[in-house]
Amino acid sequence: MPRARGRVPAHARHRKVIKAAKGFYGRRKNTFRTAQAAVVKAGVNAYKGRKQKKRNFRSLWIQRINAAVRSVDDKLTYSRFVDGLTKAGMGVDRKVMADLAMHEPAAFNALVEKARAALAA
């Protein structure tokens, strides 16, 4: 029986990697060895990026909430505001609070008042 040389599966693997490297610059898009390394590196960076995206959005929400809180009350900071909400027993996440601060100022002002009252008590 003749030896199977694996041409078709190897070609399929190479084609898959080259397809994933589409849009890369220089030899990274059409030379298998460099394309394979570039695709692996791109996957690593994509994984890291998905984690960083969560951090960046949380940071953005905190900045928006802080700006909105300070526009309502100069002496109240973000950390004191969150402390007041915790003491008031209100569990509103940062994404929702940032959205309220931008699109529903009246509702956000009510949250600030509740936090301020809980801090005073």
PDB file of N, CA and C in Angstrom:
ATOM      1  N   MET A   1       0.844  -1.180   0.000  1.00  0.00           N
ATOM      2  CA  MET A   1       0.000   0.000   0.000  1.00  0.00           C
ATOM      3  C   MET A   1       0.889   1.243   0.000  1.00  0.00           C
ATOM      4  N   PRO A   2       0.594   2.212  -0.857  1.00  0.00           N
ATOM      5  CA  PRO A   2       1.453   3.395  -0.920  1.00  0.00           C
ATOM      6  C   PRO A   2       1.284   4.285   0.321  1.00  0.00           C
ATOM      7  N   ARG A   3       2.341   5.033   0.591  1.00  0.00           N
ATOM      8  CA  ARG A   3       2.343   5.925   1.748  1.00  0.00           C
ATOM      9  C   ARG A   3       1.463   7.146   1.460  1.00  0.00           C
ATOM     10  N   ALA A   4       0.611   7.500   2.424  1.00  0.00           N
ATOM     11  CA  ALA A   4      -0.233   8.686   2.276  1.00  0.00           C
ATOM     12  C   ALA A   4       0.588   9.913   2.669  1.00  0.00           C
ATOM     13  N   ARG A   5       0.651  10.888   1.785  1.00  0.00           N
ATOM     14  CA  ARG A   5       1.521  12.035   2.035  1.00  0.00           C
ATOM     15  C   ARG A   5       0.798  13.221   2.667  1.00  0.00           C
ATOM     16  N   GLY A   6      -0.508  13.152   2.798  1.00  0.00           N
ATOM     17  CA  GLY A   6      -1.237  14.201   3.520  1.00  0.00           C
ATOM     18  C   GLY A   6      -1.282  15.532   2.808  1.00  0.00           C
ATOM     19  N   ARG A   7      -1.291  15.520   1.496  1.00  0.00           N
ATOM     20  CA  ARG A   7      -1.290  16.788   0.765  1.00  0.00           C
ATOM     21  C   ARG A   7      -2.588  17.564   0.943  1.00  0.00           C
ATOM     22  N   VAL A   8      -3.696  16.871   0.835  1.00  0.00           N
ATOM     23  CA  VAL A   8      -4.988  17.572   0.899  1.00  0.00           C
ATOM     24  C   VAL A   8      -5.235  18.167   2.294  1.00  0.00           C
ATOM     25  N   PRO A   9      -5.048  17.386   3.362  1.00  0.00           N
ATOM     26  CA  PRO A   9      -5.242  17.993   4.694  1.00  0.00           C
ATOM     27  C   PRO A   9      -4.264  19.129   4.984  1.00  0.00           C
ATOM     28  N   ALA A  10      -3.012  18.968   4.555  1.00  0.00           N
ATOM     29  CA  ALA A  10      -2.023  20.029   4.788  1.00  0.00           C
ATOM     30  C   ALA A  10      -2.418  21.290   4.038  1.00  0.00           C
ATOM     31  N   HIS A  11      -2.850  21.107   2.795  1.00  0.00           N
ATOM     32  CA  HIS A  11      -3.268  22.277   2.012  1.00  0.00           C
ATOM     33  C   HIS A  11      -4.471  22.963   2.666  1.00  0.00           C
ATOM     34  N   ALA A  12      -5.395  22.160   3.198  1.00  0.00           N
ATOM     35  CA  ALA A  12      -6.574  22.722   3.862  1.00  0.00           C
ATOM     36  C   ALA A  12      -6.171  23.521   5.094  1.00  0.00           C
ATOM     37  N   ARG A  13      -5.201  22.986   5.878  1.00  0.00           N
ATOM     38  CA  ARG A  13      -4.735  23.709   7.066  1.00  0.00           C
ATOM     39  C   ARG A  13      -4.073  25.018   6.669  1.00  0.00           C
ATOM     40  N   HIS A  14      -3.239  24.957   5.639  1.00  0.00           N
ATOM     41  CA  HIS A  14      -2.556  26.163   5.177  1.00  0.00           C
ATOM     42  C   HIS A  14      -3.561  27.195   4.689  1.00  0.00           C
ATOM     43  N   ARG A  15      -4.548  26.742   3.940  1.00  0.00           N
ATOM     44  CA  ARG A  15      -5.553  27.654   3.395  1.00  0.00           C
ATOM     45  C   ARG A  15      -6.342  28.331   4.525  1.00  0.00           C
ATOM     46  N   LYS A  16      -6.624  27.555   5.572  1.00  0.00           N
ATOM     47  CA  LYS A  16      -7.361  28.101   6.714  1.00  0.00           C
ATOM     48  C   LYS A  16      -6.565  29.215   7.398  1.00  0.00           C
ATOM     49  N   VAL A  17      -5.266  29.003   7.570  1.00  0.00           N
ATOM     50  CA  VAL A  17      -4.410  29.999   8.217  1.00  0.00           C
ATOM     51  C   VAL A  17      -4.277  31.236   7.325  1.00  0.00           C
ATOM     52  N   ILE A  18      -4.058  31.032   6.031  1.00  0.00           N
ATOM     53  CA  ILE A  18      -3.904  32.151   5.096  1.00  0.00           C
ATOM     54  C   ILE A  18      -5.196  32.972   5.049  1.00  0.00           C
ATOM     55  N   LYS A  19      -6.329  32.289   5.121  1.00  0.00           N
ATOM     56  CA  LYS A  19      -7.614  33.007   5.125  1.00  0.00           C
ATOM     57  C   LYS A  19      -7.751  33.861   6.394  1.00  0.00           C
ATOM     58  N   ALA A  20      -7.291  33.314   7.528  1.00  0.00           N
ATOM     59  CA  ALA A  20      -7.363  34.064   8.790  1.00  0.00           C
ATOM     60  C   ALA A  20      -6.416  35.260   8.776  1.00  0.00           C
ATOM     61  N   ALA A  21      -5.353  35.184   7.962  1.00  0.00           N
ATOM     62  CA  ALA A  21      -4.362  36.264   7.909  1.00  0.00           C
ATOM     63  C   ALA A  21      -4.705  37.303   6.856  1.00  0.00           C
ATOM     64  N   LYS A  22      -5.869  37.195   6.256  1.00  0.00           N
ATOM     65  CA  LYS A  22      -6.259  38.151   5.218  1.00  0.00           C
ATOM     66  C   LYS A  22      -6.287  39.566   5.792  1.00  0.00           C
ATOM     67  N   GLY A  23      -5.680  40.492   5.079  1.00  0.00           N
ATOM     68  CA  GLY A  23      -5.637  41.876   5.533  1.00  0.00           C
ATOM     69  C   GLY A  23      -4.363  42.225   6.275  1.00  0.00           C
ATOM     70  N   PHE A  24      -3.532  41.227   6.596  1.00  0.00           N
ATOM     71  CA  PHE A  24      -2.275  41.511   7.267  1.00  0.00           C
ATOM     72  C   PHE A  24      -1.297  42.120   6.266  1.00  0.00           C
ATOM     73  N   TYR A  25      -0.247  42.750   6.766  1.00  0.00           N
ATOM     74  CA  TYR A  25       0.694  43.496   5.934  1.00  0.00           C
ATOM     75  C   TYR A  25       1.876  42.626   5.523  1.00  0.00           C
ATOM     76  N   GLY A  26       2.296  42.745   4.279  1.00  0.00           N
ATOM     77  CA  GLY A  26       3.506  42.090   3.790  1.00  0.00           C
ATOM     78  C   GLY A  26       3.377  40.585   3.696  1.00  0.00           C
ATOM     79  N   ARG A  27       4.464  39.869   4.027  1.00  0.00           N
ATOM     80  CA  ARG A  27       4.473  38.411   3.930  1.00  0.00           C
ATOM     81  C   ARG A  27       3.546  37.755   4.933  1.00  0.00           C
ATOM     82  N   ARG A  28       3.161  38.478   5.955  1.00  0.00           N
ATOM     83  CA  ARG A  28       2.297  37.914   7.000  1.00  0.00           C
ATOM     84  C   ARG A  28       0.969  37.438   6.443  1.00  0.00           C
ATOM     85  N   LYS A  29       0.578  37.919   5.260  1.00  0.00           N
ATOM     86  CA  LYS A  29      -0.714  37.514   4.705  1.00  0.00           C
ATOM     87  C   LYS A  29      -0.626  36.329   3.746  1.00  0.00           C
ATOM     88  N   ASN A  30       0.582  36.029   3.190  1.00  0.00           N
ATOM     89  CA  ASN A  30       0.608  34.990   2.157  1.00  0.00           C
ATOM     90  C   ASN A  30       1.705  33.937   2.317  1.00  0.00           C
ATOM     91  N   THR A  31       2.586  34.082   3.286  1.00  0.00           N
ATOM     92  CA  THR A  31       3.584  33.055   3.555  1.00  0.00           C
ATOM     93  C   THR A  31       3.122  32.287   4.785  1.00  0.00           C
ATOM     94  N   PHE A  32       3.000  30.965   4.632  1.00  0.00           N
ATOM     95  CA  PHE A  32       2.348  30.179   5.679  1.00  0.00           C
ATOM     96  C   PHE A  32       3.012  30.339   7.035  1.00  0.00           C
ATOM     97  N   ARG A  33       4.319  30.223   7.103  1.00  0.00           N
ATOM     98  CA  ARG A  33       4.999  30.223   8.398  1.00  0.00           C
ATOM     99  C   ARG A  33       4.805  31.557   9.130  1.00  0.00           C
ATOM    100  N   THR A  34       5.004  32.657   8.415  1.00  0.00           N
ATOM    101  CA  THR A  34       4.831  33.961   9.068  1.00  0.00           C
ATOM    102  C   THR A  34       3.352  34.242   9.331  1.00  0.00           C
ATOM    103  N   ALA A  35       2.496  33.775   8.424  1.00  0.00           N
ATOM    104  CA  ALA A  35       1.051  33.975   8.618  1.00  0.00           C
ATOM    105  C   ALA A  35       0.568  33.228   9.846  1.00  0.00           C
ATOM    106  N   GLN A  36       1.084  32.030  10.037  1.00  0.00           N
ATOM    107  CA  GLN A  36       0.669  31.227  11.190  1.00  0.00           C
ATOM    108  C   GLN A  36       1.062  31.924  12.498  1.00  0.00           C
ATOM    109  N   ALA A  37       2.280  32.435  12.550  1.00  0.00           N
ATOM    110  CA  ALA A  37       2.723  33.147  13.752  1.00  0.00           C
ATOM    111  C   ALA A  37       1.887  34.406  13.973  1.00  0.00           C
ATOM    112  N   ALA A  38       1.581  35.104  12.879  1.00  0.00           N
ATOM    113  CA  ALA A  38       0.795  36.337  12.992  1.00  0.00           C
ATOM    114  C   ALA A  38      -0.623  36.047  13.454  1.00  0.00           C
ATOM    115  N   VAL A  39      -1.206  34.950  12.975  1.00  0.00           N
ATOM    116  CA  VAL A  39      -2.573  34.589  13.363  1.00  0.00           C
ATOM    117  C   VAL A  39      -2.621  34.211  14.841  1.00  0.00           C
ATOM    118  N   VAL A  40      -1.616  33.473  15.301  1.00  0.00           N
ATOM    119  CA  VAL A  40      -1.571  33.098  16.724  1.00  0.00           C
ATOM    120  C   VAL A  40      -1.444  34.353  17.585  1.00  0.00           C
ATOM    121  N   LYS A  41      -0.558  35.264  17.187  1.00  0.00           N
ATOM    122  CA  LYS A  41      -0.354  36.516  17.936  1.00  0.00           C
ATOM    123  C   LYS A  41      -1.629  37.358  17.933  1.00  0.00           C
ATOM    124  N   ALA A  42      -2.310  37.386  16.785  1.00  0.00           N
ATOM    125  CA  ALA A  42      -3.565  38.141  16.706  1.00  0.00           C
ATOM    126  C   ALA A  42      -4.614  37.556  17.643  1.00  0.00           C
ATOM    127  N   GLY A  43      -4.635  36.226  17.756  1.00  0.00           N
ATOM    128  CA  GLY A  43      -5.574  35.583  18.675  1.00  0.00           C
ATOM    129  C   GLY A  43      -5.276  35.922  20.123  1.00  0.00           C
ATOM    130  N   VAL A  44      -3.990  35.968  20.467  1.00  0.00           N
ATOM    131  CA  VAL A  44      -3.585  36.336  21.831  1.00  0.00           C
ATOM    132  C   VAL A  44      -4.026  37.767  22.127  1.00  0.00           C
ATOM    133  N   ASN A  45      -3.763  38.660  21.169  1.00  0.00           N
ATOM    134  CA  ASN A  45      -4.136  40.064  21.372  1.00  0.00           C
ATOM    135  C   ASN A  45      -5.655  40.237  21.448  1.00  0.00           C
ATOM    136  N   ALA A  46      -6.395  39.457  20.653  1.00  0.00           N
ATOM    137  CA  ALA A  46      -7.856  39.546  20.696  1.00  0.00           C
ATOM    138  C   ALA A  46      -8.381  39.103  22.063  1.00  0.00           C
ATOM    139  N   TYR A  47      -7.772  38.055  22.621  1.00  0.00           N
ATOM    140  CA  TYR A  47      -8.172  37.568  23.940  1.00  0.00           C
ATOM    141  C   TYR A  47      -7.923  38.642  24.993  1.00  0.00           C
ATOM    142  N   LYS A  48      -6.727  39.239  24.946  1.00  0.00           N
ATOM    143  CA  LYS A  48      -6.407  40.318  25.889  1.00  0.00           C
ATOM    144  C   LYS A  48      -7.363  41.488  25.721  1.00  0.00           C
ATOM    145  N   GLY A  49      -7.657  41.820  24.460  1.00  0.00           N
ATOM    146  CA  GLY A  49      -8.517  42.963  24.164  1.00  0.00           C
ATOM    147  C   GLY A  49      -9.918  42.801  24.718  1.00  0.00           C
ATOM    148  N   ARG A  50     -10.416  41.560  24.707  1.00  0.00           N
ATOM    149  CA  ARG A  50     -11.758  41.331  25.255  1.00  0.00           C
ATOM    150  C   ARG A  50     -11.779  41.594  26.752  1.00  0.00           C
ATOM    151  N   LYS A  51     -10.679  41.338  27.433  1.00  0.00           N
ATOM    152  CA  LYS A  51     -10.607  41.627  28.867  1.00  0.00           C
ATOM    153  C   LYS A  51     -10.445  43.132  29.112  1.00  0.00           C
ATOM    154  N   GLN A  52      -9.600  43.778  28.290  1.00  0.00           N
ATOM    155  CA  GLN A  52      -9.355  45.213  28.455  1.00  0.00           C
ATOM    156  C   GLN A  52     -10.603  46.032  28.165  1.00  0.00           C
ATOM    157  N   LYS A  53     -11.417  45.549  27.226  1.00  0.00           N
ATOM    158  CA  LYS A  53     -12.636  46.260  26.856  1.00  0.00           C
ATOM    159  C   LYS A  53     -13.556  46.416  28.071  1.00  0.00           C
ATOM    160  N   LYS A  54     -13.651  45.375  28.863  1.00  0.00           N
ATOM    161  CA  LYS A  54     -14.494  45.430  30.065  1.00  0.00           C
ATOM    162  C   LYS A  54     -13.967  46.475  31.052  1.00  0.00           C
ATOM    163  N   ARG A  55     -12.614  46.495  31.224  1.00  0.00           N
ATOM    164  CA  ARG A  55     -12.006  47.477  32.114  1.00  0.00           C
ATOM    165  C   ARG A  55     -12.256  48.893  31.621  1.00  0.00           C
ATOM    166  N   ASN A  56     -12.071  49.095  30.320  1.00  0.00           N
ATOM    167  CA  ASN A  56     -12.220  50.433  29.748  1.00  0.00           C
ATOM    168  C   ASN A  56     -13.637  50.956  29.902  1.00  0.00           C
ATOM    169  N   PHE A  57     -14.632  50.088  29.661  1.00  0.00           N
ATOM    170  CA  PHE A  57     -16.013  50.534  29.796  1.00  0.00           C
ATOM    171  C   PHE A  57     -16.365  50.848  31.248  1.00  0.00           C
ATOM    172  N   ARG A  58     -15.892  50.028  32.182  1.00  0.00           N
ATOM    173  CA  ARG A  58     -16.165  50.305  33.596  1.00  0.00           C
ATOM    174  C   ARG A  58     -15.555  51.650  33.990  1.00  0.00           C
ATOM    175  N   SER A  59     -14.347  51.915  33.513  1.00  0.00           N
ATOM    176  CA  SER A  59     -13.686  53.191  33.791  1.00  0.00           C
ATOM    177  C   SER A  59     -14.479  54.360  33.209  1.00  0.00           C
ATOM    178  N   LEU A  60     -14.969  54.187  31.990  1.00  0.00           N
ATOM    179  CA  LEU A  60     -15.766  55.231  31.347  1.00  0.00           C
ATOM    180  C   LEU A  60     -17.041  55.504  32.128  1.00  0.00           C
ATOM    181  N   TRP A  61     -17.727  54.437  32.565  1.00  0.00           N
ATOM    182  CA  TRP A  61     -18.952  54.622  33.338  1.00  0.00           C
ATOM    183  C   TRP A  61     -18.675  55.358  34.635  1.00  0.00           C
ATOM    184  N   ILE A  62     -17.581  55.023  35.302  1.00  0.00           N
ATOM    185  CA  ILE A  62     -17.233  55.682  36.567  1.00  0.00           C
ATOM    186  C   ILE A  62     -16.956  57.164  36.335  1.00  0.00           C
ATOM    187  N   GLN A  63     -16.253  57.489  35.253  1.00  0.00           N
ATOM    188  CA  GLN A  63     -15.972  58.896  34.939  1.00  0.00           C
ATOM    189  C   GLN A  63     -17.259  59.662  34.665  1.00  0.00           C
ATOM    190  N   ARG A  64     -18.174  59.057  33.939  1.00  0.00           N
ATOM    191  CA  ARG A  64     -19.446  59.722  33.638  1.00  0.00           C
ATOM    192  C   ARG A  64     -20.264  59.940  34.901  1.00  0.00           C
ATOM    193  N   ILE A  65     -20.299  58.930  35.763  1.00  0.00           N
ATOM    194  CA  ILE A  65     -21.057  59.055  37.012  1.00  0.00           C
ATOM    195  C   ILE A  65     -20.440  60.144  37.886  1.00  0.00           C
ATOM    196  N   ASN A  66     -19.119  60.154  37.986  1.00  0.00           N
ATOM    197  CA  ASN A  66     -18.427  61.156  38.797  1.00  0.00           C
ATOM    198  C   ASN A  66     -18.732  62.560  38.289  1.00  0.00           C
ATOM    199  N   ALA A  67     -18.683  62.749  36.978  1.00  0.00           N
ATOM    200  CA  ALA A  67     -18.973  64.070  36.409  1.00  0.00           C
ATOM    201  C   ALA A  67     -20.409  64.488  36.699  1.00  0.00           C
ATOM    202  N   ALA A  68     -21.332  63.534  36.570  1.00  0.00           N
ATOM    203  CA  ALA A  68     -22.739  63.857  36.815  1.00  0.00           C
ATOM    204  C   ALA A  68     -22.993  64.165  38.284  1.00  0.00           C
ATOM    205  N   VAL A  69     -22.371  63.409  39.185  1.00  0.00           N
ATOM    206  CA  VAL A  69     -22.543  63.642  40.624  1.00  0.00           C
ATOM    207  C   VAL A  69     -22.006  65.017  40.995  1.00  0.00           C
ATOM    208  N   ARG A  70     -20.831  65.362  40.469  1.00  0.00           N
ATOM    209  CA  ARG A  70     -20.233  66.658  40.800  1.00  0.00           C
ATOM    210  C   ARG A  70     -21.008  67.821  40.198  1.00  0.00           C
ATOM    211  N   SER A  71     -21.716  67.577  39.076  1.00  0.00           N
ATOM    212  CA  SER A  71     -22.532  68.657  38.513  1.00  0.00           C
ATOM    213  C   SER A  71     -23.762  68.926  39.376  1.00  0.00           C
ATOM    214  N   VAL A  72     -24.227  67.900  40.091  1.00  0.00           N
ATOM    215  CA  VAL A  72     -25.374  68.068  40.989  1.00  0.00           C
ATOM    216  C   VAL A  72     -24.926  68.686  42.312  1.00  0.00           C
ATOM    217  N   ASP A  73     -23.833  68.140  42.877  1.00  0.00           N
ATOM    218  CA  ASP A  73     -23.348  68.598  44.176  1.00  0.00           C
ATOM    219  C   ASP A  73     -21.817  68.652  44.137  1.00  0.00           C
ATOM    220  N   ASP A  74     -21.250  69.848  44.332  1.00  0.00           N
ATOM    221  CA  ASP A  74     -19.801  70.031  44.216  1.00  0.00           C
ATOM    222  C   ASP A  74     -19.021  69.239  45.261  1.00  0.00           C
ATOM    223  N   LYS A  75     -19.589  69.081  46.442  1.00  0.00           N
ATOM    224  CA  LYS A  75     -18.856  68.437  47.528  1.00  0.00           C
ATOM    225  C   LYS A  75     -18.931  66.908  47.485  1.00  0.00           C
ATOM    226  N   LEU A  76     -19.869  66.379  46.734  1.00  0.00           N
ATOM    227  CA  LEU A  76     -20.066  64.934  46.672  1.00  0.00           C
ATOM    228  C   LEU A  76     -19.187  64.334  45.571  1.00  0.00           C
ATOM    229  N   THR A  77     -18.420  63.310  45.931  1.00  0.00           N
ATOM    230  CA  THR A  77     -17.570  62.641  44.947  1.00  0.00           C
ATOM    231  C   THR A  77     -18.188  61.296  44.564  1.00  0.00           C
ATOM    232  N   TYR A  78     -17.593  60.655  43.582  1.00  0.00           N
ATOM    233  CA  TYR A  78     -18.084  59.352  43.131  1.00  0.00           C
ATOM    234  C   TYR A  78     -18.059  58.331  44.265  1.00  0.00           C
ATOM    235  N   SER A  79     -16.945  58.277  44.978  1.00  0.00           N
ATOM    236  CA  SER A  79     -16.817  57.246  46.013  1.00  0.00           C
ATOM    237  C   SER A  79     -17.826  57.469  47.150  1.00  0.00           C
ATOM    238  N   ARG A  80     -18.028  58.726  47.534  1.00  0.00           N
ATOM    239  CA  ARG A  80     -19.021  59.027  48.576  1.00  0.00           C
ATOM    240  C   ARG A  80     -20.434  58.726  48.075  1.00  0.00           C
ATOM    241  N   PHE A  81     -20.679  58.996  46.804  1.00  0.00           N
ATOM    242  CA  PHE A  81     -21.983  58.707  46.189  1.00  0.00           C
ATOM    243  C   PHE A  81     -22.270  57.207  46.234  1.00  0.00           C
ATOM    244  N   VAL A  82     -21.302  56.399  45.840  1.00  0.00           N
ATOM    245  CA  VAL A  82     -21.489  54.947  45.844  1.00  0.00           C
ATOM    246  C   VAL A  82     -21.653  54.447  47.282  1.00  0.00           C
ATOM    247  N   ASP A  83     -20.904  55.041  48.213  1.00  0.00           N
ATOM    248  CA  ASP A  83     -21.047  54.683  49.630  1.00  0.00           C
ATOM    249  C   ASP A  83     -22.461  54.998  50.116  1.00  0.00           C
ATOM    250  N   GLY A  84     -22.972  56.160  49.711  1.00  0.00           N
ATOM    251  CA  GLY A  84     -24.338  56.532  50.095  1.00  0.00           C
ATOM    252  C   GLY A  84     -25.378  55.598  49.519  1.00  0.00           C
ATOM    253  N   LEU A  85     -25.199  55.190  48.270  1.00  0.00           N
ATOM    254  CA  LEU A  85     -26.140  54.238  47.667  1.00  0.00           C
ATOM    255  C   LEU A  85     -26.098  52.890  48.381  1.00  0.00           C
ATOM    256  N   THR A  86     -24.904  52.478  48.772  1.00  0.00           N
ATOM    257  CA  THR A  86     -24.768  51.205  49.493  1.00  0.00           C
ATOM    258  C   THR A  86     -25.467  51.292  50.849  1.00  0.00           C
ATOM    259  N   LYS A  87     -25.280  52.403  51.540  1.00  0.00           N
ATOM    260  CA  LYS A  87     -25.932  52.587  52.844  1.00  0.00           C
ATOM    261  C   LYS A  87     -27.448  52.687  52.693  1.00  0.00           C
ATOM    262  N   ALA A  88     -27.898  53.211  51.565  1.00  0.00           N
ATOM    263  CA  ALA A  88     -29.340  53.310  51.310  1.00  0.00           C
ATOM    264  C   ALA A  88     -29.917  51.968  50.862  1.00  0.00           C
ATOM    265  N   GLY A  89     -29.044  50.989  50.595  1.00  0.00           N
ATOM    266  CA  GLY A  89     -29.516  49.668  50.185  1.00  0.00           C
ATOM    267  C   GLY A  89     -29.935  49.613  48.733  1.00  0.00           C
ATOM    268  N   MET A  90     -29.382  50.500  47.926  1.00  0.00           N
ATOM    269  CA  MET A  90     -29.748  50.531  46.505  1.00  0.00           C
ATOM    270  C   MET A  90     -28.648  49.866  45.692  1.00  0.00           C
ATOM    271  N   GLY A  91     -29.022  48.855  44.940  1.00  0.00           N
ATOM    272  CA  GLY A  91     -28.049  48.139  44.112  1.00  0.00           C
ATOM    273  C   GLY A  91     -28.244  48.471  42.645  1.00  0.00           C
ATOM    274  N   VAL A  92     -27.678  49.571  42.206  1.00  0.00           N
ATOM    275  CA  VAL A  92     -27.756  49.954  40.795  1.00  0.00           C
ATOM    276  C   VAL A  92     -26.355  49.818  40.222  1.00  0.00           C
ATOM    277  N   ASP A  93     -26.226  49.099  39.102  1.00  0.00           N
ATOM    278  CA  ASP A  93     -24.880  48.918  38.556  1.00  0.00           C
ATOM    279  C   ASP A  93     -24.420  50.163  37.806  1.00  0.00           C
ATOM    280  N   ARG A  94     -23.114  50.224  37.589  1.00  0.00           N
ATOM    281  CA  ARG A  94     -22.498  51.433  37.032  1.00  0.00           C
ATOM    282  C   ARG A  94     -22.940  51.732  35.607  1.00  0.00           C
ATOM    283  N   LYS A  95     -23.169  50.692  34.838  1.00  0.00           N
ATOM    284  CA  LYS A  95     -23.606  50.891  33.454  1.00  0.00           C
ATOM    285  C   LYS A  95     -24.959  51.607  33.426  1.00  0.00           C
ATOM    286  N   VAL A  96     -25.871  51.163  34.263  1.00  0.00           N
ATOM    287  CA  VAL A  96     -27.208  51.762  34.323  1.00  0.00           C
ATOM    288  C   VAL A  96     -27.128  53.179  34.871  1.00  0.00           C
ATOM    289  N   MET A  97     -26.305  53.386  35.913  1.00  0.00           N
ATOM    290  CA  MET A  97     -26.172  54.736  36.482  1.00  0.00           C
ATOM    291  C   MET A  97     -25.587  55.711  35.469  1.00  0.00           C
ATOM    292  N   ALA A  98     -24.592  55.280  34.700  1.00  0.00           N
ATOM    293  CA  ALA A  98     -24.002  56.155  33.682  1.00  0.00           C
ATOM    294  C   ALA A  98     -25.020  56.489  32.610  1.00  0.00           C
ATOM    295  N   ASP A  99     -25.842  55.508  32.238  1.00  0.00           N
ATOM    296  CA  ASP A  99     -26.882  55.748  31.243  1.00  0.00           C
ATOM    297  C   ASP A  99     -27.932  56.717  31.784  1.00  0.00           C
ATOM    298  N   LEU A 100     -28.306  56.544  33.045  1.00  0.00           N
ATOM    299  CA  LEU A 100     -29.254  57.471  33.673  1.00  0.00           C
ATOM    300  C   LEU A 100     -28.674  58.891  33.722  1.00  0.00           C
ATOM    301  N   ALA A 101     -27.409  58.986  34.062  1.00  0.00           N
ATOM    302  CA  ALA A 101     -26.764  60.293  34.169  1.00  0.00           C
ATOM    303  C   ALA A 101     -26.791  61.027  32.836  1.00  0.00           C
ATOM    304  N   MET A 102     -26.643  60.296  31.748  1.00  0.00           N
ATOM    305  CA  MET A 102     -26.603  60.928  30.426  1.00  0.00           C
ATOM    306  C   MET A 102     -27.994  61.210  29.865  1.00  0.00           C
ATOM    307  N   HIS A 103     -28.909  60.245  30.011  1.00  0.00           N
ATOM    308  CA  HIS A 103     -30.192  60.347  29.309  1.00  0.00           C
ATOM    309  C   HIS A 103     -31.378  60.705  30.197  1.00  0.00           C
ATOM    310  N   GLU A 104     -31.288  60.445  31.506  1.00  0.00           N
ATOM    311  CA  GLU A 104     -32.388  60.733  32.437  1.00  0.00           C
ATOM    312  C   GLU A 104     -31.855  61.502  33.644  1.00  0.00           C
ATOM    313  N   PRO A 105     -31.513  62.778  33.479  1.00  0.00           N
ATOM    314  CA  PRO A 105     -30.919  63.532  34.597  1.00  0.00           C
ATOM    315  C   PRO A 105     -31.813  63.615  35.829  1.00  0.00           C
ATOM    316  N   ALA A 106     -33.123  63.689  35.622  1.00  0.00           N
ATOM    317  CA  ALA A 106     -34.037  63.794  36.767  1.00  0.00           C
ATOM    318  C   ALA A 106     -33.967  62.531  37.626  1.00  0.00           C
ATOM    319  N   ALA A 107     -33.954  61.376  36.989  1.00  0.00           N
ATOM    320  CA  ALA A 107     -33.868  60.106  37.721  1.00  0.00           C
ATOM    321  C   ALA A 107     -32.523  59.996  38.433  1.00  0.00           C
ATOM    322  N   PHE A 108     -31.468  60.443  37.767  1.00  0.00           N
ATOM    323  CA  PHE A 108     -30.142  60.389  38.392  1.00  0.00           C
ATOM    324  C   PHE A 108     -30.075  61.329  39.588  1.00  0.00           C
ATOM    325  N   ASN A 109     -30.687  62.507  39.474  1.00  0.00           N
ATOM    326  CA  ASN A 109     -30.722  63.443  40.604  1.00  0.00           C
ATOM    327  C   ASN A 109     -31.439  62.827  41.805  1.00  0.00           C
ATOM    328  N   ALA A 110     -32.472  62.039  41.542  1.00  0.00           N
ATOM    329  CA  ALA A 110     -33.175  61.353  42.627  1.00  0.00           C
ATOM    330  C   ALA A 110     -32.238  60.357  43.314  1.00  0.00           C
ATOM    331  N   LEU A 111     -31.414  59.666  42.539  1.00  0.00           N
ATOM    332  CA  LEU A 111     -30.429  58.752  43.134  1.00  0.00           C
ATOM    333  C   LEU A 111     -29.436  59.511  44.008  1.00  0.00           C
ATOM    334  N   VAL A 112     -28.998  60.667  43.522  1.00  0.00           N
ATOM    335  CA  VAL A 112     -28.039  61.483  44.281  1.00  0.00           C
ATOM    336  C   VAL A 112     -28.666  61.922  45.598  1.00  0.00           C
ATOM    337  N   GLU A 113     -29.912  62.331  45.553  1.00  0.00           N
ATOM    338  CA  GLU A 113     -30.608  62.768  46.773  1.00  0.00           C
ATOM    339  C   GLU A 113     -30.726  61.618  47.774  1.00  0.00           C
ATOM    340  N   LYS A 114     -31.047  60.416  47.280  1.00  0.00           N
ATOM    341  CA  LYS A 114     -31.148  59.252  48.176  1.00  0.00           C
ATOM    342  C   LYS A 114     -29.781  58.956  48.819  1.00  0.00           C
ATOM    343  N   ALA A 115     -28.727  59.039  48.003  1.00  0.00           N
ATOM    344  CA  ALA A 115     -27.381  58.763  48.523  1.00  0.00           C
ATOM    345  C   ALA A 115     -27.003  59.823  49.553  1.00  0.00           C
ATOM    346  N   ARG A 116     -27.311  61.074  49.261  1.00  0.00           N
ATOM    347  CA  ARG A 116     -26.997  62.168  50.184  1.00  0.00           C
ATOM    348  C   ARG A 116     -27.743  61.996  51.506  1.00  0.00           C
ATOM    349  N   ALA A 117     -29.028  61.595  51.423  1.00  0.00           N
ATOM    350  CA  ALA A 117     -29.807  61.385  52.642  1.00  0.00           C
ATOM    351  C   ALA A 117     -29.236  60.218  53.473  1.00  0.00           C
ATOM    352  N   ALA A 118     -28.808  59.171  52.796  1.00  0.00           N
ATOM    353  CA  ALA A 118     -28.251  57.999  53.513  1.00  0.00           C
ATOM    354  C   ALA A 118     -26.914  58.368  54.176  1.00  0.00           C
ATOM    355  N   LEU A 119     -26.132  59.227  53.535  1.00  0.00           N
ATOM    356  CA  LEU A 119     -24.873  59.651  54.135  1.00  0.00           C
ATOM    357  C   LEU A 119     -25.100  60.532  55.345  1.00  0.00           C
ATOM    358  N   ALA A 120     -26.137  61.364  55.290  1.00  0.00           N
ATOM    359  CA  ALA A 120     -26.451  62.279  56.401  1.00  0.00           C
ATOM    360  C   ALA A 120     -26.947  61.526  57.627  1.00  0.00           C
ATOM    361  N   ALA A 121     -27.651  60.405  57.357  1.00  0.00           N
ATOM    362  CA  ALA A 121     -28.246  59.650  58.479  1.00  0.00           C
ATOM    363  C   ALA A 121     -27.238  58.812  59.234  1.00  0.00           C
TER     364      ALA A 121
END
